[in-house]
PDB file of N, CA and C in Angstrom:
ATOM      1  N   MET A   1      79.173  68.785 188.134  1.00  0.00           N
ATOM      2  CA  MET A   1      78.840  69.686 187.045  1.00  0.00           C
ATOM      3  C   MET A   1      79.539  71.026 187.260  1.00  0.00           C
ATOM      4  N   THR A   2      80.209  71.511 186.236  1.00  0.00           N
ATOM      5  CA  THR A   2      80.907  72.779 186.300  1.00  0.00           C
ATOM      6  C   THR A   2      79.969  73.902 185.881  1.00  0.00           C
ATOM      7  N   ILE A   3      79.952  74.939 186.676  1.00  0.00           N
ATOM      8  CA  ILE A   3      79.155  76.115 186.347  1.00  0.00           C
ATOM      9  C   ILE A   3      80.084  77.147 185.737  1.00  0.00           C
ATOM     10  N   VAL A   4      79.709  77.637 184.580  1.00  0.00           N
ATOM     11  CA  VAL A   4      80.506  78.651 183.889  1.00  0.00           C
ATOM     12  C   VAL A   4      79.812  79.991 184.069  1.00  0.00           C
ATOM     13  N   ILE A   5      80.571  80.979 184.485  1.00  0.00           N
ATOM     14  CA  ILE A   5      80.017  82.326 184.645  1.00  0.00           C
ATOM     15  C   ILE A   5      79.695  82.890 183.258  1.00  0.00           C
ATOM     16  N   GLU A   6      78.549  83.492 183.132  1.00  0.00           N
ATOM     17  CA  GLU A   6      78.151  84.113 181.867  1.00  0.00           C
ATOM     18  C   GLU A   6      78.502  85.597 181.900  1.00  0.00           C
ATOM     19  N   VAL A   7      79.337  86.010 180.984  1.00  0.00           N
ATOM     20  CA  VAL A   7      79.683  87.419 180.820  1.00  0.00           C
ATOM     21  C   VAL A   7      79.474  87.732 179.347  1.00  0.00           C
ATOM     22  N   SER A   8      78.602  88.674 179.061  1.00  0.00           N
ATOM     23  CA  SER A   8      78.296  88.995 177.667  1.00  0.00           C
ATOM     24  C   SER A   8      79.551  89.522 176.965  1.00  0.00           C
ATOM     25  N   PRO A   9      79.592  89.382 175.645  1.00  0.00           N
ATOM     26  CA  PRO A   9      80.735  89.935 174.907  1.00  0.00           C
ATOM     27  C   PRO A   9      80.927  91.430 175.161  1.00  0.00           C
ATOM     28  N   GLU A  10      79.820  92.166 175.258  1.00  0.00           N
ATOM     29  CA  GLU A  10      79.921  93.612 175.497  1.00  0.00           C
ATOM     30  C   GLU A  10      80.520  93.905 176.868  1.00  0.00           C
ATOM     31  N   ARG A  11      80.061  93.189 177.881  1.00  0.00           N
ATOM     32  CA  ARG A  11      80.596  93.377 179.233  1.00  0.00           C
ATOM     33  C   ARG A  11      82.063  92.965 179.300  1.00  0.00           C
ATOM     34  N   PHE A  12      82.409  91.884 178.636  1.00  0.00           N
ATOM     35  CA  PHE A  12      83.797  91.427 178.628  1.00  0.00           C
ATOM     36  C   PHE A  12      84.697  92.469 177.970  1.00  0.00           C
ATOM     37  N   ASP A  13      84.229  93.066 176.855  1.00  0.00           N
ATOM     38  CA  ASP A  13      84.983  94.154 176.216  1.00  0.00           C
ATOM     39  C   ASP A  13      85.222  95.294 177.204  1.00  0.00           C
ATOM     40  N   GLU A  14      84.202  95.637 177.988  1.00  0.00           N
ATOM     41  CA  GLU A  14      84.343  96.686 179.000  1.00  0.00           C
ATOM     42  C   GLU A  14      85.405  96.309 180.021  1.00  0.00           C
ATOM     43  N   LEU A  15      85.410  95.050 180.448  1.00  0.00           N
ATOM     44  CA  LEU A  15      86.392  94.605 181.438  1.00  0.00           C
ATOM     45  C   LEU A  15      87.810  94.702 180.896  1.00  0.00           C
ATOM     46  N   VAL A  16      87.995  94.371 179.626  1.00  0.00           N
ATOM     47  CA  VAL A  16      89.319  94.504 179.018  1.00  0.00           C
ATOM     48  C   VAL A  16      89.707  95.979 178.940  1.00  0.00           C
ATOM     49  N   SER A  17      88.781  96.838 178.550  1.00  0.00           N
ATOM     50  CA  SER A  17      89.066  98.282 178.512  1.00  0.00           C
ATOM     51  C   SER A  17      89.428  98.819 179.886  1.00  0.00           C
ATOM     52  N   GLU A  18      88.681  98.372 180.902  1.00  0.00           N
ATOM     53  CA  GLU A  18      88.974  98.809 182.268  1.00  0.00           C
ATOM     54  C   GLU A  18      90.344  98.312 182.709  1.00  0.00           C
ATOM     55  N   ALA A  19      90.707  97.092 182.335  1.00  0.00           N
ATOM     56  CA  ALA A  19      92.036  96.571 182.677  1.00  0.00           C
ATOM     57  C   ALA A  19      93.123  97.385 181.985  1.00  0.00           C
ATOM     58  N   LEU A  20      92.896  97.744 180.733  1.00  0.00           N
ATOM     59  CA  LEU A  20      93.872  98.583 180.021  1.00  0.00           C
ATOM     60  C   LEU A  20      94.022  99.943 180.689  1.00  0.00           C
ATOM     61  N   ASP A  21      92.920 100.473 181.221  1.00  0.00           N
ATOM     62  CA  ASP A  21      92.966 101.775 181.903  1.00  0.00           C
ATOM     63  C   ASP A  21      93.801 101.739 183.177  1.00  0.00           C
ATOM     64  N   THR A  22      94.063 100.540 183.722  1.00  0.00           N
ATOM     65  CA  THR A  22      94.866 100.441 184.943  1.00  0.00           C
ATOM     66  C   THR A  22      96.373 100.431 184.645  1.00  0.00           C
ATOM     67  N   ILE A  23      96.741 100.328 183.379  1.00  0.00           N
ATOM     68  CA  ILE A  23      98.157 100.348 183.012  1.00  0.00           C
ATOM     69  C   ILE A  23      98.665 101.773 183.201  1.00  0.00           C
ATOM     70  N   PRO A  24      99.781 101.950 183.916  1.00  0.00           N
ATOM     71  CA  PRO A  24     100.295 103.300 184.154  1.00  0.00           C
ATOM     72  C   PRO A  24     100.568 104.058 182.854  1.00  0.00           C
ATOM     73  N   PRO A  25     100.207 105.342 182.827  1.00  0.00           N
ATOM     74  CA  PRO A  25     100.410 106.144 181.611  1.00  0.00           C
ATOM     75  C   PRO A  25     101.854 106.136 181.102  1.00  0.00           C
ATOM     76  N   ASP A  26     102.827 106.053 182.003  1.00  0.00           N
ATOM     77  CA  ASP A  26     104.220 106.003 181.562  1.00  0.00           C
ATOM     78  C   ASP A  26     104.481 104.782 180.685  1.00  0.00           C
ATOM     79  N   LEU A  27     103.763 103.696 180.947  1.00  0.00           N
ATOM     80  CA  LEU A  27     103.924 102.498 180.122  1.00  0.00           C
ATOM     81  C   LEU A  27     103.100 102.576 178.843  1.00  0.00           C
ATOM     82  N   THR A  28     101.864 103.053 178.944  1.00  0.00           N
ATOM     83  CA  THR A  28     101.027 103.108 177.733  1.00  0.00           C
ATOM     84  C   THR A  28     101.608 104.070 176.704  1.00  0.00           C
ATOM     85  N   ARG A  29     102.307 105.104 177.155  1.00  0.00           N
ATOM     86  CA  ARG A  29     102.935 106.039 176.201  1.00  0.00           C
ATOM     87  C   ARG A  29     104.028 105.358 175.394  1.00  0.00           C
ATOM     88  N   VAL A  30     104.652 104.335 175.960  1.00  0.00           N
ATOM     89  CA  VAL A  30     105.751 103.643 175.299  1.00  0.00           C
ATOM     90  C   VAL A  30     105.247 102.522 174.389  1.00  0.00           C
ATOM     91  N   MET A  31     104.050 102.027 174.660  1.00  0.00           N
ATOM     92  CA  MET A  31     103.499 100.960 173.819  1.00  0.00           C
ATOM     93  C   MET A  31     103.378 101.475 172.389  1.00  0.00           C
ATOM     94  N   SER A  32     103.744 100.621 171.432  1.00  0.00           N
ATOM     95  CA  SER A  32     103.787 101.086 170.058  1.00  0.00           C
ATOM     96  C   SER A  32     103.323  99.994 169.103  1.00  0.00           C
ATOM     97  N   ASN A  33     102.455 100.365 168.190  1.00  0.00           N
ATOM     98  CA  ASN A  33     102.017  99.491 167.111  1.00  0.00           C
ATOM     99  C   ASN A  33     101.483  98.163 167.641  1.00  0.00           C
ATOM    100  N   VAL A  34     100.539  98.252 168.564  1.00  0.00           N
ATOM    101  CA  VAL A  34      99.936  97.051 169.142  1.00  0.00           C
ATOM    102  C   VAL A  34      98.438  97.264 169.281  1.00  0.00           C
ATOM    103  N   VAL A  35      97.674  96.230 168.992  1.00  0.00           N
ATOM    104  CA  VAL A  35      96.225  96.278 169.125  1.00  0.00           C
ATOM    105  C   VAL A  35      95.798  95.182 170.096  1.00  0.00           C
ATOM    106  N   VAL A  36      94.825  95.506 170.944  1.00  0.00           N
ATOM    107  CA  VAL A  36      94.284  94.543 171.899  1.00  0.00           C
ATOM    108  C   VAL A  36      92.868  94.205 171.456  1.00  0.00           C
ATOM    109  N   THR A  37      92.603  92.911 171.301  1.00  0.00           N
ATOM    110  CA  THR A  37      91.279  92.475 170.863  1.00  0.00           C
ATOM    111  C   THR A  37      90.767  91.363 171.781  1.00  0.00           C
ATOM    112  N   VAL A  38      89.457  91.229 171.790  1.00  0.00           N
ATOM    113  CA  VAL A  38      88.813  90.138 172.511  1.00  0.00           C
ATOM    114  C   VAL A  38      88.360  89.112 171.478  1.00  0.00           C
ATOM    115  N   VAL A  39      88.672  87.853 171.758  1.00  0.00           N
ATOM    116  CA  VAL A  39      88.287  86.743 170.892  1.00  0.00           C
ATOM    117  C   VAL A  39      87.596  85.715 171.790  1.00  0.00           C
ATOM    118  N   ASP A  40      86.560  85.092 171.293  1.00  0.00           N
ATOM    119  CA  ASP A  40      85.838  84.121 172.120  1.00  0.00           C
ATOM    120  C   ASP A  40      86.701  82.923 172.503  1.00  0.00           C
ATOM    121  N   ASP A  41      87.350  82.296 171.517  1.00  0.00           N
ATOM    122  CA  ASP A  41      88.073  81.054 171.770  1.00  0.00           C
ATOM    123  C   ASP A  41      89.505  81.140 171.258  1.00  0.00           C
ATOM    124  N   PRO A  42      90.435  80.533 172.004  1.00  0.00           N
ATOM    125  CA  PRO A  42      91.841  80.565 171.607  1.00  0.00           C
ATOM    126  C   PRO A  42      92.147  79.562 170.492  1.00  0.00           C
ATOM    127  N   PRO A  43      93.302  79.739 169.829  1.00  0.00           N
ATOM    128  CA  PRO A  43      93.691  78.791 168.782  1.00  0.00           C
ATOM    129  C   PRO A  43      94.116  77.441 169.343  1.00  0.00           C
ATOM    130  N   GLU A  44      94.445  77.398 170.632  1.00  0.00           N
ATOM    131  CA  GLU A  44      94.760  76.132 171.290  1.00  0.00           C
ATOM    132  C   GLU A  44      94.200  76.160 172.701  1.00  0.00           C
ATOM    133  N   PRO A  45      93.862  74.996 173.236  1.00  0.00           N
ATOM    134  CA  PRO A  45      93.200  74.935 174.554  1.00  0.00           C
ATOM    135  C   PRO A  45      94.039  75.566 175.664  1.00  0.00           C
ATOM    136  N   HIS A  46      93.341  76.063 176.649  1.00  0.00           N
ATOM    137  CA  HIS A  46      93.913  76.539 177.909  1.00  0.00           C
ATOM    138  C   HIS A  46      94.600  77.893 177.837  1.00  0.00           C
ATOM    139  N   LEU A  47      94.622  78.549 176.679  1.00  0.00           N
ATOM    140  CA  LEU A  47      95.181  79.895 176.612  1.00  0.00           C
ATOM    141  C   LEU A  47      94.139  80.896 177.084  1.00  0.00           C
ATOM    142  N   LEU A  48      94.578  81.852 177.891  1.00  0.00           N
ATOM    143  CA  LEU A  48      93.692  82.940 178.324  1.00  0.00           C
ATOM    144  C   LEU A  48      93.965  84.197 177.512  1.00  0.00           C
ATOM    145  N   GLY A  49      95.185  84.312 177.004  1.00  0.00           N
ATOM    146  CA  GLY A  49      95.577  85.442 176.187  1.00  0.00           C
ATOM    147  C   GLY A  49      96.773  85.050 175.347  1.00  0.00           C
ATOM    148  N   LEU A  50      97.056  85.862 174.315  1.00  0.00           N
ATOM    149  CA  LEU A  50      98.183  85.561 173.439  1.00  0.00           C
ATOM    150  C   LEU A  50      98.720  86.853 172.854  1.00  0.00           C
ATOM    151  N   TYR A  51     100.039  87.006 172.944  1.00  0.00           N
ATOM    152  CA  TYR A  51     100.730  88.128 172.299  1.00  0.00           C
ATOM    153  C   TYR A  51     101.409  87.598 171.050  1.00  0.00           C
ATOM    154  N   THR A  52     101.169  88.254 169.934  1.00  0.00           N
ATOM    155  CA  THR A  52     101.808  87.908 168.679  1.00  0.00           C
ATOM    156  C   THR A  52     102.431  89.177 168.116  1.00  0.00           C
ATOM    157  N   GLY A  53     103.733  89.129 167.898  1.00  0.00           N
ATOM    158  CA  GLY A  53     104.379  90.296 167.340  1.00  0.00           C
ATOM    159  C   GLY A  53     105.858  90.333 167.658  1.00  0.00           C
ATOM    160  N   ILE A  54     106.425  91.504 167.527  1.00  0.00           N
ATOM    161  CA  ILE A  54     107.839  91.724 167.802  1.00  0.00           C
ATOM    162  C   ILE A  54     107.932  92.634 169.023  1.00  0.00           C
ATOM    163  N   PRO A  55     108.422  92.103 170.151  1.00  0.00           N
ATOM    164  CA  PRO A  55     108.493  92.908 171.377  1.00  0.00           C
ATOM    165  C   PRO A  55     109.306  94.187 171.164  1.00  0.00           C
ATOM    166  N   LEU A  56     108.977  95.194 171.932  1.00  0.00           N
ATOM    167  CA  LEU A  56     109.671  96.476 171.835  1.00  0.00           C
ATOM    168  C   LEU A  56     111.181  96.310 171.970  1.00  0.00           C
ATOM    169  N   THR A  57     111.615  95.381 172.812  1.00  0.00           N
ATOM    170  CA  THR A  57     113.045  95.181 173.058  1.00  0.00           C
ATOM    171  C   THR A  57     113.772  94.559 171.875  1.00  0.00           C
ATOM    172  N   GLU A  58     113.040  94.019 170.895  1.00  0.00           N
ATOM    173  CA  GLU A  58     113.675  93.378 169.744  1.00  0.00           C
ATOM    174  C   GLU A  58     113.531  94.193 168.459  1.00  0.00           C
ATOM    175  N   ARG A  59     112.895  95.332 168.549  1.00  0.00           N
ATOM    176  CA  ARG A  59     112.709  96.151 167.354  1.00  0.00           C
ATOM    177  C   ARG A  59     113.966  96.982 167.092  1.00  0.00           C
ATOM    178  N   GLY A  60     114.324  97.029 165.836  1.00  0.00           N
ATOM    179  CA  GLY A  60     115.495  97.812 165.456  1.00  0.00           C
ATOM    180  C   GLY A  60     115.140  98.804 164.363  1.00  0.00           C
ATOM    181  N   ASP A  61     116.169  99.327 163.721  1.00  0.00           N
ATOM    182  CA  ASP A  61     115.968 100.306 162.648  1.00  0.00           C
ATOM    183  C   ASP A  61     115.153  99.729 161.496  1.00  0.00           C
ATOM    184  N   TRP A  62     115.197  98.424 161.335  1.00  0.00           N
ATOM    185  CA  TRP A  62     114.492  97.752 160.260  1.00  0.00           C
ATOM    186  C   TRP A  62     112.982  97.740 160.487  1.00  0.00           C
ATOM    187  N   TYR A  63     112.555  98.050 161.717  1.00  0.00           N
ATOM    188  CA  TYR A  63     111.143  97.932 162.085  1.00  0.00           C
ATOM    189  C   TYR A  63     110.363  99.150 161.617  1.00  0.00           C
ATOM    190  N   SER A  64     109.643  98.983 160.505  1.00  0.00           N
ATOM    191  CA  SER A  64     108.743 100.040 160.032  1.00  0.00           C
ATOM    192  C   SER A  64     107.761  99.429 159.042  1.00  0.00           C
ATOM    193  N   ALA A  65     106.643 100.061 158.893  1.00  0.00           N
ATOM    194  CA  ALA A  65     105.613  99.625 157.946  1.00  0.00           C
ATOM    195  C   ALA A  65     105.261  98.148 158.123  1.00  0.00           C
ATOM    196  N   VAL A  66     105.070  97.746 159.374  1.00  0.00           N
ATOM    197  CA  VAL A  66     104.656  96.370 159.648  1.00  0.00           C
ATOM    198  C   VAL A  66     103.269  96.397 160.270  1.00  0.00           C
ATOM    199  N   LEU A  67     102.584  95.284 160.144  1.00  0.00           N
ATOM    200  CA  LEU A  67     101.275  95.182 160.783  1.00  0.00           C
ATOM    201  C   LEU A  67     101.440  95.299 162.292  1.00  0.00           C
ATOM    202  N   PRO A  68     100.416  95.782 162.978  1.00  0.00           N
ATOM    203  CA  PRO A  68     100.531  95.921 164.440  1.00  0.00           C
ATOM    204  C   PRO A  68     100.689  94.569 165.130  1.00  0.00           C
ATOM    205  N   ASP A  69     101.415  94.598 166.253  1.00  0.00           N
ATOM    206  CA  ASP A  69     101.418  93.443 167.140  1.00  0.00           C
ATOM    207  C   ASP A  69      99.976  93.239 167.588  1.00  0.00           C
ATOM    208  N   ARG A  70      99.720  92.039 168.081  1.00  0.00           N
ATOM    209  CA  ARG A  70      98.341  91.713 168.454  1.00  0.00           C
ATOM    210  C   ARG A  70      98.325  91.052 169.828  1.00  0.00           C
ATOM    211  N   ILE A  71      97.481  91.571 170.688  1.00  0.00           N
ATOM    212  CA  ILE A  71      97.200  90.935 171.971  1.00  0.00           C
ATOM    213  C   ILE A  71      95.749  90.486 171.910  1.00  0.00           C
ATOM    214  N   GLU A  72      95.553  89.178 172.061  1.00  0.00           N
ATOM    215  CA  GLU A  72      94.198  88.633 172.088  1.00  0.00           C
ATOM    216  C   GLU A  72      93.891  88.171 173.502  1.00  0.00           C
ATOM    217  N   ILE A  73      92.715  88.539 173.991  1.00  0.00           N
ATOM    218  CA  ILE A  73      92.216  88.098 175.287  1.00  0.00           C
ATOM    219  C   ILE A  73      91.027  87.188 174.997  1.00  0.00           C
ATOM    220  N   TYR A  74      91.063  85.960 175.535  1.00  0.00           N
ATOM    221  CA  TYR A  74      90.079  84.941 175.187  1.00  0.00           C
ATOM    222  C   TYR A  74      88.961  84.862 176.224  1.00  0.00           C
ATOM    223  N   ARG A  75      87.781  85.245 175.804  1.00  0.00           N
ATOM    224  CA  ARG A  75      86.628  85.361 176.700  1.00  0.00           C
ATOM    225  C   ARG A  75      86.181  84.017 177.279  1.00  0.00           C
ATOM    226  N   ASN A  76      85.955  83.028 176.448  1.00  0.00           N
ATOM    227  CA  ASN A  76      85.390  81.767 176.950  1.00  0.00           C
ATOM    228  C   ASN A  76      86.288  81.056 177.958  1.00  0.00           C
ATOM    229  N   PRO A  77      87.588  80.900 177.707  1.00  0.00           N
ATOM    230  CA  PRO A  77      88.416  80.222 178.704  1.00  0.00           C
ATOM    231  C   PRO A  77      88.502  80.971 180.039  1.00  0.00           C
ATOM    232  N   ILE A  78      88.509  82.284 179.979  1.00  0.00           N
ATOM    233  CA  ILE A  78      88.541  83.055 181.230  1.00  0.00           C
ATOM    234  C   ILE A  78      87.244  82.827 181.995  1.00  0.00           C
ATOM    235  N   CYS A  79      86.127  82.882 181.311  1.00  0.00           N
ATOM    236  CA  CYS A  79      84.839  82.648 181.988  1.00  0.00           C
ATOM    237  C   CYS A  79      84.750  81.223 182.535  1.00  0.00           C
ATOM    238  N   GLN A  80      85.347  80.273 181.836  1.00  0.00           N
ATOM    239  CA  GLN A  80      85.280  78.875 182.271  1.00  0.00           C
ATOM    240  C   GLN A  80      86.045  78.616 183.564  1.00  0.00           C
ATOM    241  N   ILE A  81      87.088  79.396 183.846  1.00  0.00           N
ATOM    242  CA  ILE A  81      87.870  79.137 185.062  1.00  0.00           C
ATOM    243  C   ILE A  81      87.408  79.988 186.247  1.00  0.00           C
ATOM    244  N   CYS A  82      86.391  80.813 186.036  1.00  0.00           N
ATOM    245  CA  CYS A  82      85.922  81.714 187.085  1.00  0.00           C
ATOM    246  C   CYS A  82      84.515  81.343 187.546  1.00  0.00           C
ATOM    247  N   ASP A  83      84.243  81.604 188.824  1.00  0.00           N
ATOM    248  CA  ASP A  83      82.920  81.334 189.394  1.00  0.00           C
ATOM    249  C   ASP A  83      82.080  82.600 189.565  1.00  0.00           C
ATOM    250  N   THR A  84      82.735  83.765 189.586  1.00  0.00           N
ATOM    251  CA  THR A  84      82.026  85.024 189.804  1.00  0.00           C
ATOM    252  C   THR A  84      82.541  86.082 188.842  1.00  0.00           C
ATOM    253  N   GLU A  85      81.765  87.126 188.672  1.00  0.00           N
ATOM    254  CA  GLU A  85      82.228  88.223 187.818  1.00  0.00           C
ATOM    255  C   GLU A  85      83.470  88.891 188.416  1.00  0.00           C
ATOM    256  N   GLU A  86      83.559  88.928 189.736  1.00  0.00           N
ATOM    257  CA  GLU A  86      84.742  89.506 190.376  1.00  0.00           C
ATOM    258  C   GLU A  86      86.001  88.727 189.990  1.00  0.00           C
ATOM    259  N   GLN A  87      85.884  87.411 189.917  1.00  0.00           N
ATOM    260  CA  GLN A  87      87.027  86.596 189.489  1.00  0.00           C
ATOM    261  C   GLN A  87      87.350  86.859 188.020  1.00  0.00           C
ATOM    262  N   VAL A  88      86.330  87.044 187.197  1.00  0.00           N
ATOM    263  CA  VAL A  88      86.563  87.367 185.785  1.00  0.00           C
ATOM    264  C   VAL A  88      87.304  88.695 185.678  1.00  0.00           C
ATOM    265  N   ILE A  89      86.873  89.686 186.429  1.00  0.00           N
ATOM    266  CA  ILE A  89      87.527  91.004 186.411  1.00  0.00           C
ATOM    267  C   ILE A  89      89.008  90.857 186.744  1.00  0.00           C
ATOM    268  N   GLU A  90      89.322  90.103 187.794  1.00  0.00           N
ATOM    269  CA  GLU A  90      90.708  89.918 188.214  1.00  0.00           C
ATOM    270  C   GLU A  90      91.503  89.132 187.178  1.00  0.00           C
ATOM    271  N   GLU A  91      90.911  88.085 186.618  1.00  0.00           N
ATOM    272  CA  GLU A  91      91.625  87.277 185.622  1.00  0.00           C
ATOM    273  C   GLU A  91      91.866  88.064 184.343  1.00  0.00           C
ATOM    274  N   VAL A  92      90.908  88.884 183.944  1.00  0.00           N
ATOM    275  CA  VAL A  92      91.102  89.741 182.768  1.00  0.00           C
ATOM    276  C   VAL A  92      92.272  90.693 183.027  1.00  0.00           C
ATOM    277  N   ARG A  93      92.304  91.298 184.203  1.00  0.00           N
ATOM    278  CA  ARG A  93      93.389  92.235 184.525  1.00  0.00           C
ATOM    279  C   ARG A  93      94.740  91.530 184.488  1.00  0.00           C
ATOM    280  N   ILE A  94      94.823  90.374 185.106  1.00  0.00           N
ATOM    281  CA  ILE A  94      96.076  89.614 185.119  1.00  0.00           C
ATOM    282  C   ILE A  94      96.504  89.248 183.694  1.00  0.00           C
ATOM    283  N   THR A  95      95.554  88.791 182.893  1.00  0.00           N
ATOM    284  CA  THR A  95      95.871  88.372 181.530  1.00  0.00           C
ATOM    285  C   THR A  95      96.304  89.556 180.673  1.00  0.00           C
ATOM    286  N   VAL A  96      95.626  90.682 180.787  1.00  0.00           N
ATOM    287  CA  VAL A  96      96.001  91.885 180.033  1.00  0.00           C
ATOM    288  C   VAL A  96      97.414  92.315 180.411  1.00  0.00           C
ATOM    289  N   VAL A  97      97.703  92.398 181.701  1.00  0.00           N
ATOM    290  CA  VAL A  97      99.039  92.817 182.149  1.00  0.00           C
ATOM    291  C   VAL A  97     100.090  91.820 181.663  1.00  0.00           C
ATOM    292  N   HIS A  98      99.788  90.531 181.759  1.00  0.00           N
ATOM    293  CA  HIS A  98     100.719  89.487 181.321  1.00  0.00           C
ATOM    294  C   HIS A  98     101.066  89.660 179.840  1.00  0.00           C
ATOM    295  N   GLU A  99     100.061  89.838 179.003  1.00  0.00           N
ATOM    296  CA  GLU A  99     100.308  89.952 177.557  1.00  0.00           C
ATOM    297  C   GLU A  99     101.007  91.260 177.215  1.00  0.00           C
ATOM    298  N   ILE A 100     100.696  92.333 177.913  1.00  0.00           N
ATOM    299  CA  ILE A 100     101.414  93.592 177.698  1.00  0.00           C
ATOM    300  C   ILE A 100     102.876  93.417 178.104  1.00  0.00           C
ATOM    301  N   GLY A 101     103.113  92.632 179.144  1.00  0.00           N
ATOM    302  CA  GLY A 101     104.492  92.324 179.532  1.00  0.00           C
ATOM    303  C   GLY A 101     105.266  91.711 178.376  1.00  0.00           C
ATOM    304  N   HIS A 102     104.625  90.820 177.623  1.00  0.00           N
ATOM    305  CA  HIS A 102     105.285  90.236 176.453  1.00  0.00           C
ATOM    306  C   HIS A 102     105.594  91.313 175.412  1.00  0.00           C
ATOM    307  N   HIS A 103     104.716  92.277 175.239  1.00  0.00           N
ATOM    308  CA  HIS A 103     104.961  93.383 174.310  1.00  0.00           C
ATOM    309  C   HIS A 103     106.227  94.143 174.706  1.00  0.00           C
ATOM    310  N   PHE A 104     106.489  94.196 176.013  1.00  0.00           N
ATOM    311  CA  PHE A 104     107.691  94.864 176.512  1.00  0.00           C
ATOM    312  C   PHE A 104     108.899  93.927 176.569  1.00  0.00           C
ATOM    313  N   GLY A 105     108.746  92.698 176.055  1.00  0.00           N
ATOM    314  CA  GLY A 105     109.871  91.782 175.968  1.00  0.00           C
ATOM    315  C   GLY A 105     110.108  90.934 177.202  1.00  0.00           C
ATOM    316  N   ILE A 106     109.141  90.869 178.102  1.00  0.00           N
ATOM    317  CA  ILE A 106     109.290  90.079 179.319  1.00  0.00           C
ATOM    318  C   ILE A 106     108.771  88.667 179.042  1.00  0.00           C
ATOM    319  N   ASP A 107     109.592  87.656 179.341  1.00  0.00           N
ATOM    320  CA  ASP A 107     109.186  86.274 179.049  1.00  0.00           C
ATOM    321  C   ASP A 107     108.288  85.712 180.154  1.00  0.00           C
ATOM    322  N   ASP A 108     107.705  84.546 179.868  1.00  0.00           N
ATOM    323  CA  ASP A 108     106.761  83.920 180.803  1.00  0.00           C
ATOM    324  C   ASP A 108     107.382  83.664 182.176  1.00  0.00           C
ATOM    325  N   ALA A 109     108.613  83.168 182.198  1.00  0.00           N
ATOM    326  CA  ALA A 109     109.250  82.853 183.482  1.00  0.00           C
ATOM    327  C   ALA A 109     109.336  84.097 184.360  1.00  0.00           C
ATOM    328  N   ARG A 110     109.764  85.204 183.792  1.00  0.00           N
ATOM    329  CA  ARG A 110     109.896  86.445 184.574  1.00  0.00           C
ATOM    330  C   ARG A 110     108.525  86.983 184.963  1.00  0.00           C
ATOM    331  N   LEU A 111     107.551  86.908 184.075  1.00  0.00           N
ATOM    332  CA  LEU A 111     106.209  87.366 184.404  1.00  0.00           C
ATOM    333  C   LEU A 111     105.632  86.565 185.570  1.00  0.00           C
ATOM    334  N   HIS A 112     105.868  85.254 185.581  1.00  0.00           N
ATOM    335  CA  HIS A 112     105.381  84.427 186.690  1.00  0.00           C
ATOM    336  C   HIS A 112     106.106  84.775 187.989  1.00  0.00           C
ATOM    337  N   GLU A 113     107.418  85.063 187.904  1.00  0.00           N
ATOM    338  CA  GLU A 113     108.158  85.500 189.092  1.00  0.00           C
ATOM    339  C   GLU A 113     107.557  86.785 189.664  1.00  0.00           C
ATOM    340  N   LEU A 114     107.094  87.651 188.773  1.00  0.00           N
ATOM    341  CA  LEU A 114     106.504  88.935 189.184  1.00  0.00           C
ATOM    342  C   LEU A 114     105.049  88.800 189.611  1.00  0.00           C
ATOM    343  N   GLY A 115     104.490  87.607 189.480  1.00  0.00           N
ATOM    344  CA  GLY A 115     103.103  87.376 189.876  1.00  0.00           C
ATOM    345  C   GLY A 115     102.089  87.592 188.786  1.00  0.00           C
ATOM    346  N   TRP A 116     102.537  87.659 187.556  1.00  0.00           N
ATOM    347  CA  TRP A 116     101.622  87.860 186.425  1.00  0.00           C
ATOM    348  C   TRP A 116     101.601  86.625 185.562  1.00  0.00           C
TER     349      TRP A 116
END
């Protein structure tokens, strides 16, 4: 039997906010037109987070008046792979950094090389 750690939606939101606070100010100042949200379940199995949008490295003069990029952090899958709140905290941080990396145009292969 698998035990799933219970983390309330409010607490999970706090963990995502705390993870965002660990991003260096030099990077957060450069982030542009992106929103980070918490969603209970992903659109497909096994996703912990998802970046949807146009990375900063691909934006050109044509980029204006567009909806914000979106980073979704998925609460239920993260809780399902963790046994303790400490593991949830670490997985949230890793997932937030990973998805922000995509906002900066870093692909999955490079993020994994960097440990994210």
